[in-house]
Amino acid sequence: MINCGEKWVTVVIMFHGEYPYSIDLKGRVPVPPRFREELKEGVVLSQGIDKCITVYPVSEWEKIAAKLAALSITQLNSRRLKRRTSSRTYSLSLDGQGRVMVPPLLREYIGIKNEVTIVGNINCLEIWARDAWEAEKAVTDEQFVEIAETVKMPE
């Protein structure tokens, strides 16, 4: 939150755009320079629900982790969701050149070979294998009007 005169305003991290990169032999991928400042305290990489890797600032991941921690321990699907999410999540730092090392388990999950696309998704970034992103983008573009008509925005 920041003080804007007479009231406090919540600052929302805003990740947007798409950025093509190559992943190096050590599994490192550059973070788009425009977002490095927001991620200087570290990042949390997690296996996404779609075939991508989500890259959260620590502050955003803490919000998700709190919601996961609040799930019931007596419900099987809650336990499974928590277990799957936490076992495939990594806290990392950017190196001196603004790159993040993508763990082998996550690289394997999304099928990264060499080319990736980093996609802004408002409060996180997503890392997609380039061909998977192109396929997802084609489906979304084709169905965009129908998607927009069925999604209810919070008020």
N, C-alpha and C. Protein backbone atom coordinates (compact mmCIF):
# COMPACT_ATOMS: atom_id res chain seq x y z
N MET A 1 0.85 -1.18 0.00
CA MET A 1 0.00 0.00 0.00
C MET A 1 0.89 1.24 0.00
N ILE A 2 0.42 2.25 -0.69
CA ILE A 2 1.13 3.52 -0.68
C ILE A 2 0.14 4.62 -0.31
N ASN A 3 0.67 5.65 0.29
CA ASN A 3 -0.16 6.77 0.70
C ASN A 3 -0.27 7.75 -0.46
N CYS A 4 -1.49 7.96 -0.94
CA CYS A 4 -1.77 8.91 -2.02
C CYS A 4 -2.60 10.05 -1.46
N GLY A 5 -1.93 10.97 -0.81
CA GLY A 5 -2.65 12.11 -0.26
C GLY A 5 -3.45 11.71 0.96
N GLU A 6 -4.78 11.68 0.82
CA GLU A 6 -5.64 11.41 1.96
C GLU A 6 -6.05 9.96 2.10
N LYS A 7 -5.65 9.09 1.18
CA LYS A 7 -6.05 7.69 1.30
C LYS A 7 -4.91 6.76 0.90
N TRP A 8 -5.01 5.52 1.37
CA TRP A 8 -4.05 4.48 1.03
C TRP A 8 -4.55 3.72 -0.18
N VAL A 9 -3.67 3.42 -1.09
CA VAL A 9 -4.02 2.71 -2.31
C VAL A 9 -3.18 1.44 -2.39
N THR A 10 -3.83 0.32 -2.70
CA THR A 10 -3.11 -0.93 -2.87
C THR A 10 -2.40 -0.91 -4.22
N VAL A 11 -1.12 -1.21 -4.20
CA VAL A 11 -0.34 -1.27 -5.42
C VAL A 11 -0.45 -2.69 -5.97
N VAL A 12 -0.87 -2.81 -7.21
CA VAL A 12 -1.00 -4.11 -7.85
C VAL A 12 0.17 -4.29 -8.80
N ILE A 13 0.87 -5.39 -8.63
CA ILE A 13 1.93 -5.71 -9.57
C ILE A 13 1.27 -6.03 -10.90
N MET A 14 1.81 -5.51 -11.96
CA MET A 14 1.17 -5.66 -13.26
C MET A 14 2.17 -6.25 -14.25
N PHE A 15 2.03 -7.54 -14.48
CA PHE A 15 2.85 -8.21 -15.49
C PHE A 15 2.01 -8.34 -16.75
N HIS A 16 2.56 -7.94 -17.89
CA HIS A 16 1.84 -8.00 -19.15
C HIS A 16 2.82 -8.16 -20.30
N GLY A 17 2.30 -8.56 -21.45
CA GLY A 17 3.11 -8.72 -22.64
C GLY A 17 3.57 -10.16 -22.82
N GLU A 18 4.21 -10.42 -23.96
CA GLU A 18 4.81 -11.73 -24.20
C GLU A 18 6.21 -11.51 -24.74
N TYR A 19 7.13 -12.36 -24.27
CA TYR A 19 8.55 -12.16 -24.50
C TYR A 19 9.21 -13.49 -24.89
N PRO A 20 9.69 -13.61 -26.13
CA PRO A 20 10.36 -14.85 -26.55
C PRO A 20 11.81 -14.88 -26.05
N TYR A 21 12.22 -16.02 -25.53
CA TYR A 21 13.59 -16.21 -25.06
C TYR A 21 14.03 -17.64 -25.37
N SER A 22 15.33 -17.84 -25.27
CA SER A 22 15.90 -19.18 -25.31
C SER A 22 16.34 -19.54 -23.90
N ILE A 23 16.21 -20.80 -23.54
CA ILE A 23 16.68 -21.28 -22.26
C ILE A 23 18.09 -21.84 -22.50
N ASP A 24 19.04 -21.56 -21.62
CA ASP A 24 20.41 -22.02 -21.86
C ASP A 24 20.60 -23.45 -21.39
N LEU A 25 21.78 -23.99 -21.62
CA LEU A 25 22.07 -25.39 -21.30
C LEU A 25 21.96 -25.70 -19.81
N LYS A 26 22.11 -24.67 -18.95
CA LYS A 26 21.99 -24.87 -17.51
C LYS A 26 20.55 -24.69 -17.01
N GLY A 27 19.62 -24.44 -17.94
CA GLY A 27 18.22 -24.29 -17.56
C GLY A 27 17.85 -22.90 -17.10
N ARG A 28 18.66 -21.91 -17.46
CA ARG A 28 18.38 -20.53 -17.05
C ARG A 28 17.64 -19.79 -18.16
N VAL A 29 16.71 -18.98 -17.75
CA VAL A 29 15.95 -18.16 -18.70
C VAL A 29 15.96 -16.71 -18.19
N PRO A 30 16.16 -15.75 -19.09
CA PRO A 30 16.12 -14.35 -18.67
C PRO A 30 14.72 -13.93 -18.26
N VAL A 31 14.65 -13.09 -17.26
CA VAL A 31 13.39 -12.44 -16.89
C VAL A 31 13.36 -11.13 -17.68
N PRO A 32 12.24 -10.79 -18.29
CA PRO A 32 12.19 -9.53 -19.04
C PRO A 32 12.70 -8.37 -18.17
N PRO A 33 13.62 -7.57 -18.70
CA PRO A 33 14.23 -6.50 -17.90
C PRO A 33 13.23 -5.58 -17.19
N ARG A 34 12.08 -5.31 -17.82
CA ARG A 34 11.12 -4.39 -17.22
C ARG A 34 10.53 -4.91 -15.91
N PHE A 35 10.67 -6.24 -15.62
CA PHE A 35 10.09 -6.82 -14.41
C PHE A 35 11.13 -7.19 -13.35
N ARG A 36 12.39 -7.01 -13.64
CA ARG A 36 13.44 -7.46 -12.72
C ARG A 36 13.40 -6.74 -11.39
N GLU A 37 13.09 -5.46 -11.41
CA GLU A 37 13.03 -4.70 -10.16
C GLU A 37 11.96 -5.27 -9.23
N GLU A 38 10.79 -5.61 -9.78
CA GLU A 38 9.70 -6.15 -8.96
C GLU A 38 10.04 -7.53 -8.41
N LEU A 39 11.00 -8.20 -9.03
CA LEU A 39 11.33 -9.58 -8.64
C LEU A 39 12.69 -9.68 -7.95
N LYS A 40 13.29 -8.54 -7.60
CA LYS A 40 14.64 -8.57 -7.03
C LYS A 40 14.70 -9.27 -5.67
N GLU A 41 13.58 -9.34 -4.95
CA GLU A 41 13.55 -10.02 -3.65
C GLU A 41 13.43 -11.53 -3.79
N GLY A 42 13.27 -12.00 -5.02
CA GLY A 42 13.16 -13.43 -5.27
C GLY A 42 11.87 -13.76 -5.98
N VAL A 43 11.80 -14.99 -6.46
CA VAL A 43 10.63 -15.47 -7.18
C VAL A 43 10.26 -16.85 -6.66
N VAL A 44 9.02 -17.21 -6.90
CA VAL A 44 8.55 -18.56 -6.60
C VAL A 44 8.05 -19.13 -7.92
N LEU A 45 8.66 -20.24 -8.34
CA LEU A 45 8.24 -20.93 -9.55
C LEU A 45 7.40 -22.12 -9.14
N SER A 46 6.27 -22.26 -9.82
CA SER A 46 5.36 -23.35 -9.48
C SER A 46 4.79 -23.95 -10.76
N GLN A 47 4.53 -25.23 -10.71
CA GLN A 47 3.90 -25.90 -11.84
C GLN A 47 2.49 -25.37 -11.99
N GLY A 48 2.20 -24.78 -13.13
CA GLY A 48 0.88 -24.21 -13.35
C GLY A 48 -0.17 -25.27 -13.60
N ILE A 49 -1.42 -24.87 -13.51
CA ILE A 49 -2.52 -25.78 -13.82
C ILE A 49 -2.52 -26.07 -15.32
N ASP A 50 -2.29 -25.04 -16.14
CA ASP A 50 -2.10 -25.25 -17.57
C ASP A 50 -0.66 -25.73 -17.75
N LYS A 51 -0.30 -26.09 -18.93
CA LYS A 51 1.06 -26.60 -19.18
C LYS A 51 2.06 -25.45 -19.24
N CYS A 52 2.20 -24.76 -18.12
CA CYS A 52 3.16 -23.66 -18.02
C CYS A 52 3.72 -23.63 -16.61
N ILE A 53 4.71 -22.80 -16.42
CA ILE A 53 5.30 -22.57 -15.10
C ILE A 53 4.89 -21.17 -14.68
N THR A 54 4.35 -21.03 -13.48
CA THR A 54 4.00 -19.71 -12.99
C THR A 54 5.17 -19.16 -12.19
N VAL A 55 5.44 -17.88 -12.38
CA VAL A 55 6.53 -17.19 -11.71
C VAL A 55 5.91 -16.06 -10.90
N TYR A 56 5.94 -16.22 -9.57
CA TYR A 56 5.31 -15.24 -8.69
C TYR A 56 6.36 -14.42 -7.94
N PRO A 57 6.09 -13.14 -7.72
CA PRO A 57 6.86 -12.42 -6.71
C PRO A 57 6.55 -13.07 -5.36
N VAL A 58 7.48 -13.01 -4.44
CA VAL A 58 7.28 -13.65 -3.14
C VAL A 58 6.00 -13.17 -2.48
N SER A 59 5.70 -11.87 -2.56
CA SER A 59 4.50 -11.33 -1.91
C SER A 59 3.22 -11.95 -2.48
N GLU A 60 3.18 -12.19 -3.78
CA GLU A 60 1.99 -12.82 -4.38
C GLU A 60 1.90 -14.29 -4.00
N TRP A 61 3.05 -14.97 -3.96
CA TRP A 61 3.02 -16.38 -3.58
C TRP A 61 2.54 -16.55 -2.14
N GLU A 62 2.93 -15.65 -1.27
CA GLU A 62 2.50 -15.73 0.13
C GLU A 62 0.98 -15.69 0.25
N LYS A 63 0.31 -14.92 -0.60
CA LYS A 63 -1.16 -14.87 -0.60
C LYS A 63 -1.74 -16.23 -1.01
N ILE A 64 -1.17 -16.83 -2.03
CA ILE A 64 -1.64 -18.13 -2.50
C ILE A 64 -1.38 -19.20 -1.45
N ALA A 65 -0.19 -19.18 -0.88
CA ALA A 65 0.17 -20.17 0.14
C ALA A 65 -0.76 -20.08 1.35
N ALA A 66 -1.15 -18.87 1.73
CA ALA A 66 -2.07 -18.72 2.86
C ALA A 66 -3.43 -19.34 2.54
N LYS A 67 -3.89 -19.17 1.32
CA LYS A 67 -5.17 -19.78 0.92
C LYS A 67 -5.06 -21.30 0.89
N LEU A 68 -3.94 -21.81 0.39
CA LEU A 68 -3.75 -23.26 0.38
C LEU A 68 -3.67 -23.82 1.80
N ALA A 69 -2.97 -23.12 2.68
CA ALA A 69 -2.83 -23.58 4.07
C ALA A 69 -4.17 -23.63 4.78
N ALA A 70 -5.11 -22.80 4.36
CA ALA A 70 -6.42 -22.75 5.00
C ALA A 70 -7.36 -23.87 4.54
N LEU A 71 -6.96 -24.63 3.51
CA LEU A 71 -7.81 -25.72 3.03
C LEU A 71 -7.90 -26.83 4.07
N SER A 72 -8.99 -27.53 4.05
CA SER A 72 -9.25 -28.59 5.02
C SER A 72 -8.26 -29.75 4.88
N ILE A 73 -7.78 -30.24 6.02
CA ILE A 73 -6.92 -31.42 5.99
C ILE A 73 -7.73 -32.70 5.98
N THR A 74 -9.05 -32.59 6.14
CA THR A 74 -9.88 -33.79 6.16
C THR A 74 -10.46 -34.13 4.79
N GLN A 75 -10.27 -33.26 3.80
CA GLN A 75 -10.79 -33.51 2.46
C GLN A 75 -9.64 -33.95 1.55
N LEU A 76 -9.82 -35.10 0.91
CA LEU A 76 -8.78 -35.69 0.07
C LEU A 76 -8.32 -34.74 -1.03
N ASN A 77 -9.24 -34.11 -1.74
CA ASN A 77 -8.83 -33.22 -2.83
C ASN A 77 -8.08 -31.99 -2.33
N SER A 78 -8.41 -31.51 -1.15
CA SER A 78 -7.67 -30.40 -0.56
C SER A 78 -6.23 -30.82 -0.28
N ARG A 79 -6.07 -31.99 0.33
CA ARG A 79 -4.73 -32.49 0.63
C ARG A 79 -3.93 -32.70 -0.65
N ARG A 80 -4.58 -33.26 -1.65
CA ARG A 80 -3.89 -33.51 -2.92
C ARG A 80 -3.47 -32.20 -3.61
N LEU A 81 -4.36 -31.21 -3.59
CA LEU A 81 -4.02 -29.93 -4.20
C LEU A 81 -2.83 -29.30 -3.48
N LYS A 82 -2.87 -29.30 -2.16
CA LYS A 82 -1.76 -28.73 -1.38
C LYS A 82 -0.46 -29.48 -1.65
N ARG A 83 -0.54 -30.79 -1.66
CA ARG A 83 0.65 -31.63 -1.85
C ARG A 83 1.24 -31.42 -3.25
N ARG A 84 0.39 -31.46 -4.26
CA ARG A 84 0.88 -31.29 -5.63
C ARG A 84 1.51 -29.91 -5.80
N THR A 85 0.83 -28.90 -5.29
CA THR A 85 1.34 -27.54 -5.45
C THR A 85 2.66 -27.35 -4.71
N SER A 86 2.72 -27.73 -3.46
CA SER A 86 3.92 -27.45 -2.68
C SER A 86 5.11 -28.31 -3.11
N SER A 87 4.85 -29.53 -3.60
CA SER A 87 5.97 -30.38 -4.01
C SER A 87 6.59 -29.94 -5.33
N ARG A 88 5.89 -29.09 -6.07
CA ARG A 88 6.39 -28.63 -7.37
C ARG A 88 6.55 -27.12 -7.40
N THR A 89 6.98 -26.59 -6.27
CA THR A 89 7.17 -25.15 -6.12
C THR A 89 8.57 -24.90 -5.58
N TYR A 90 9.23 -23.89 -6.12
CA TYR A 90 10.62 -23.60 -5.78
C TYR A 90 10.80 -22.11 -5.53
N SER A 91 11.48 -21.77 -4.44
CA SER A 91 11.84 -20.38 -4.15
C SER A 91 13.25 -20.14 -4.70
N LEU A 92 13.39 -19.14 -5.54
CA LEU A 92 14.65 -18.90 -6.23
C LEU A 92 14.96 -17.40 -6.28
N SER A 93 16.19 -17.11 -6.69
CA SER A 93 16.61 -15.72 -6.88
C SER A 93 17.06 -15.53 -8.31
N LEU A 94 16.98 -14.30 -8.78
CA LEU A 94 17.54 -13.98 -10.09
C LEU A 94 19.05 -13.90 -9.94
N ASP A 95 19.78 -14.33 -10.97
CA ASP A 95 21.23 -14.20 -10.91
C ASP A 95 21.62 -12.78 -11.30
N GLY A 96 22.90 -12.51 -11.34
CA GLY A 96 23.39 -11.16 -11.64
C GLY A 96 23.03 -10.65 -13.02
N GLN A 97 22.66 -11.56 -13.92
CA GLN A 97 22.27 -11.16 -15.27
C GLN A 97 20.75 -11.17 -15.46
N GLY A 98 20.01 -11.29 -14.36
CA GLY A 98 18.55 -11.23 -14.43
C GLY A 98 17.91 -12.51 -14.94
N ARG A 99 18.60 -13.64 -14.75
CA ARG A 99 18.06 -14.92 -15.19
C ARG A 99 17.60 -15.71 -13.97
N VAL A 100 16.69 -16.64 -14.22
CA VAL A 100 16.24 -17.56 -13.18
C VAL A 100 16.48 -18.98 -13.70
N MET A 101 16.94 -19.85 -12.81
CA MET A 101 17.17 -21.24 -13.16
C MET A 101 15.86 -22.00 -13.00
N VAL A 102 15.40 -22.62 -14.07
CA VAL A 102 14.16 -23.39 -14.03
C VAL A 102 14.52 -24.83 -13.67
N PRO A 103 14.04 -25.32 -12.51
CA PRO A 103 14.38 -26.69 -12.10
C PRO A 103 13.99 -27.73 -13.15
N PRO A 104 14.78 -28.80 -13.25
CA PRO A 104 14.52 -29.84 -14.26
C PRO A 104 13.09 -30.40 -14.22
N LEU A 105 12.53 -30.61 -13.04
CA LEU A 105 11.17 -31.15 -12.95
C LEU A 105 10.17 -30.24 -13.66
N LEU A 106 10.32 -28.94 -13.50
CA LEU A 106 9.40 -28.00 -14.15
C LEU A 106 9.68 -27.91 -15.65
N ARG A 107 10.95 -27.95 -16.04
CA ARG A 107 11.26 -27.94 -17.48
C ARG A 107 10.66 -29.16 -18.16
N GLU A 108 10.78 -30.30 -17.51
CA GLU A 108 10.23 -31.54 -18.06
C GLU A 108 8.71 -31.48 -18.16
N TYR A 109 8.07 -30.94 -17.13
CA TYR A 109 6.60 -30.84 -17.10
C TYR A 109 6.05 -30.10 -18.31
N ILE A 110 6.68 -28.97 -18.67
CA ILE A 110 6.13 -28.20 -19.79
C ILE A 110 6.79 -28.54 -21.12
N GLY A 111 7.76 -29.42 -21.10
CA GLY A 111 8.38 -29.87 -22.34
C GLY A 111 9.26 -28.83 -23.00
N ILE A 112 10.00 -28.08 -22.17
CA ILE A 112 10.91 -27.09 -22.74
C ILE A 112 12.05 -27.81 -23.44
N LYS A 113 12.29 -27.37 -24.65
CA LYS A 113 13.47 -27.85 -25.37
C LYS A 113 14.49 -26.72 -25.39
N ASN A 114 14.18 -25.65 -26.06
CA ASN A 114 15.10 -24.52 -26.14
C ASN A 114 14.37 -23.19 -26.11
N GLU A 115 13.28 -23.09 -26.86
CA GLU A 115 12.58 -21.83 -27.02
C GLU A 115 11.40 -21.74 -26.05
N VAL A 116 11.30 -20.62 -25.33
CA VAL A 116 10.20 -20.38 -24.41
C VAL A 116 9.59 -19.02 -24.72
N THR A 117 8.38 -18.84 -24.24
CA THR A 117 7.75 -17.52 -24.25
C THR A 117 7.34 -17.21 -22.82
N ILE A 118 7.75 -16.05 -22.35
CA ILE A 118 7.32 -15.58 -21.03
C ILE A 118 6.13 -14.67 -21.26
N VAL A 119 5.04 -14.96 -20.55
CA VAL A 119 3.78 -14.27 -20.76
C VAL A 119 3.38 -13.59 -19.45
N GLY A 120 3.02 -12.32 -19.53
CA GLY A 120 2.50 -11.62 -18.36
C GLY A 120 1.06 -12.02 -18.11
N ASN A 121 0.75 -12.28 -16.84
CA ASN A 121 -0.62 -12.66 -16.46
C ASN A 121 -1.03 -11.89 -15.20
N ILE A 122 -0.99 -10.60 -15.27
CA ILE A 122 -1.39 -9.64 -14.24
C ILE A 122 -0.52 -9.74 -12.98
N ASN A 123 -0.75 -10.75 -12.13
CA ASN A 123 0.00 -10.83 -10.86
C ASN A 123 1.13 -11.85 -10.90
N CYS A 124 1.37 -12.46 -12.06
CA CYS A 124 2.47 -13.41 -12.21
C CYS A 124 2.94 -13.41 -13.65
N LEU A 125 4.07 -14.05 -13.86
CA LEU A 125 4.53 -14.35 -15.21
C LEU A 125 4.31 -15.84 -15.43
N GLU A 126 4.21 -16.24 -16.68
CA GLU A 126 4.12 -17.65 -17.02
C GLU A 126 5.23 -17.96 -18.02
N ILE A 127 5.85 -19.13 -17.85
CA ILE A 127 6.84 -19.61 -18.81
C ILE A 127 6.20 -20.76 -19.56
N TRP A 128 6.14 -20.63 -20.87
CA TRP A 128 5.54 -21.63 -21.74
C TRP A 128 6.60 -22.13 -22.72
N ALA A 129 6.57 -23.42 -23.06
CA ALA A 129 7.31 -23.90 -24.22
C ALA A 129 6.72 -23.14 -25.41
N ARG A 130 7.57 -22.67 -26.30
CA ARG A 130 7.12 -21.79 -27.38
C ARG A 130 5.97 -22.39 -28.18
N ASP A 131 6.07 -23.66 -28.58
CA ASP A 131 5.02 -24.27 -29.39
C ASP A 131 3.72 -24.41 -28.61
N ALA A 132 3.81 -24.71 -27.31
CA ALA A 132 2.60 -24.82 -26.48
C ALA A 132 1.92 -23.46 -26.35
N TRP A 133 2.72 -22.38 -26.21
CA TRP A 133 2.14 -21.05 -26.11
C TRP A 133 1.43 -20.67 -27.41
N GLU A 134 2.05 -20.97 -28.54
CA GLU A 134 1.43 -20.64 -29.82
C GLU A 134 0.09 -21.37 -29.97
N ALA A 135 0.03 -22.63 -29.54
CA ALA A 135 -1.22 -23.40 -29.61
C ALA A 135 -2.28 -22.81 -28.67
N GLU A 136 -1.87 -22.47 -27.44
CA GLU A 136 -2.81 -21.87 -26.47
C GLU A 136 -3.32 -20.53 -26.98
N LYS A 137 -2.43 -19.74 -27.53
CA LYS A 137 -2.81 -18.42 -28.04
C LYS A 137 -3.80 -18.56 -29.19
N ALA A 138 -3.59 -19.54 -30.07
CA ALA A 138 -4.50 -19.75 -31.20
C ALA A 138 -5.90 -20.12 -30.72
N VAL A 139 -6.00 -21.01 -29.74
CA VAL A 139 -7.30 -21.41 -29.20
C VAL A 139 -7.98 -20.21 -28.53
N THR A 140 -7.23 -19.49 -27.72
CA THR A 140 -7.80 -18.34 -27.02
C THR A 140 -8.24 -17.26 -28.00
N ASP A 141 -7.42 -17.00 -29.00
CA ASP A 141 -7.80 -15.99 -30.00
C ASP A 141 -9.09 -16.39 -30.72
N GLU A 142 -9.20 -17.66 -31.07
CA GLU A 142 -10.38 -18.14 -31.79
C GLU A 142 -11.64 -18.05 -30.94
N GLN A 143 -11.51 -18.26 -29.65
CA GLN A 143 -12.67 -18.31 -28.76
C GLN A 143 -12.83 -17.06 -27.90
N PHE A 144 -12.08 -16.01 -28.20
CA PHE A 144 -12.03 -14.86 -27.30
C PHE A 144 -13.39 -14.23 -27.03
N VAL A 145 -14.20 -14.05 -28.03
CA VAL A 145 -15.51 -13.42 -27.83
C VAL A 145 -16.36 -14.27 -26.90
N GLU A 146 -16.40 -15.57 -27.12
CA GLU A 146 -17.19 -16.46 -26.27
C GLU A 146 -16.65 -16.47 -24.83
N ILE A 147 -15.35 -16.48 -24.70
CA ILE A 147 -14.73 -16.44 -23.37
C ILE A 147 -15.13 -15.16 -22.65
N ALA A 148 -14.98 -14.03 -23.34
CA ALA A 148 -15.29 -12.73 -22.73
C ALA A 148 -16.75 -12.63 -22.32
N GLU A 149 -17.64 -13.25 -23.09
CA GLU A 149 -19.06 -13.19 -22.77
C GLU A 149 -19.45 -14.07 -21.58
N THR A 150 -18.65 -15.09 -21.28
CA THR A 150 -19.03 -16.02 -20.21
C THR A 150 -18.33 -15.74 -18.89
N VAL A 151 -17.26 -14.98 -18.90
CA VAL A 151 -16.53 -14.70 -17.66
C VAL A 151 -17.13 -13.47 -16.99
N LYS A 152 -17.50 -13.64 -15.74
CA LYS A 152 -18.05 -12.51 -14.97
C LYS A 152 -16.93 -11.85 -14.19
N MET A 153 -16.74 -10.58 -14.42
CA MET A 153 -15.70 -9.81 -13.73
C MET A 153 -16.21 -9.43 -12.34
N PRO A 154 -15.34 -9.53 -11.33
CA PRO A 154 -15.73 -9.08 -9.99
C PRO A 154 -16.02 -7.59 -9.99
N GLU A 155 -16.91 -7.19 -9.14
CA GLU A 155 -17.27 -5.75 -9.09
C GLU A 155 -16.49 -5.04 -8.02
